[in-house]
């Protein structure tokens, strides 16, 4: 069985996500101190979706409309 990493060091995060903490409990549930909607908004703004990159029918985003 693999060793557990018991490091208390906090990972580096983007300045907009300062204080972000995420844990997975013993039942596999994700527990976080940040709203899912806020996290999704951040990811939409800062991370390119590789699956949608080459689609021609999605050239316009909903924000532009």
Foldseek 3Di string as FASTA:
>chain_A
DDDDDPDPDDDDDDPVCPPWDWDQDPVRDIDIPDDPVVVVVVCVVPPDDPVCPPDPVPPDDPVVD
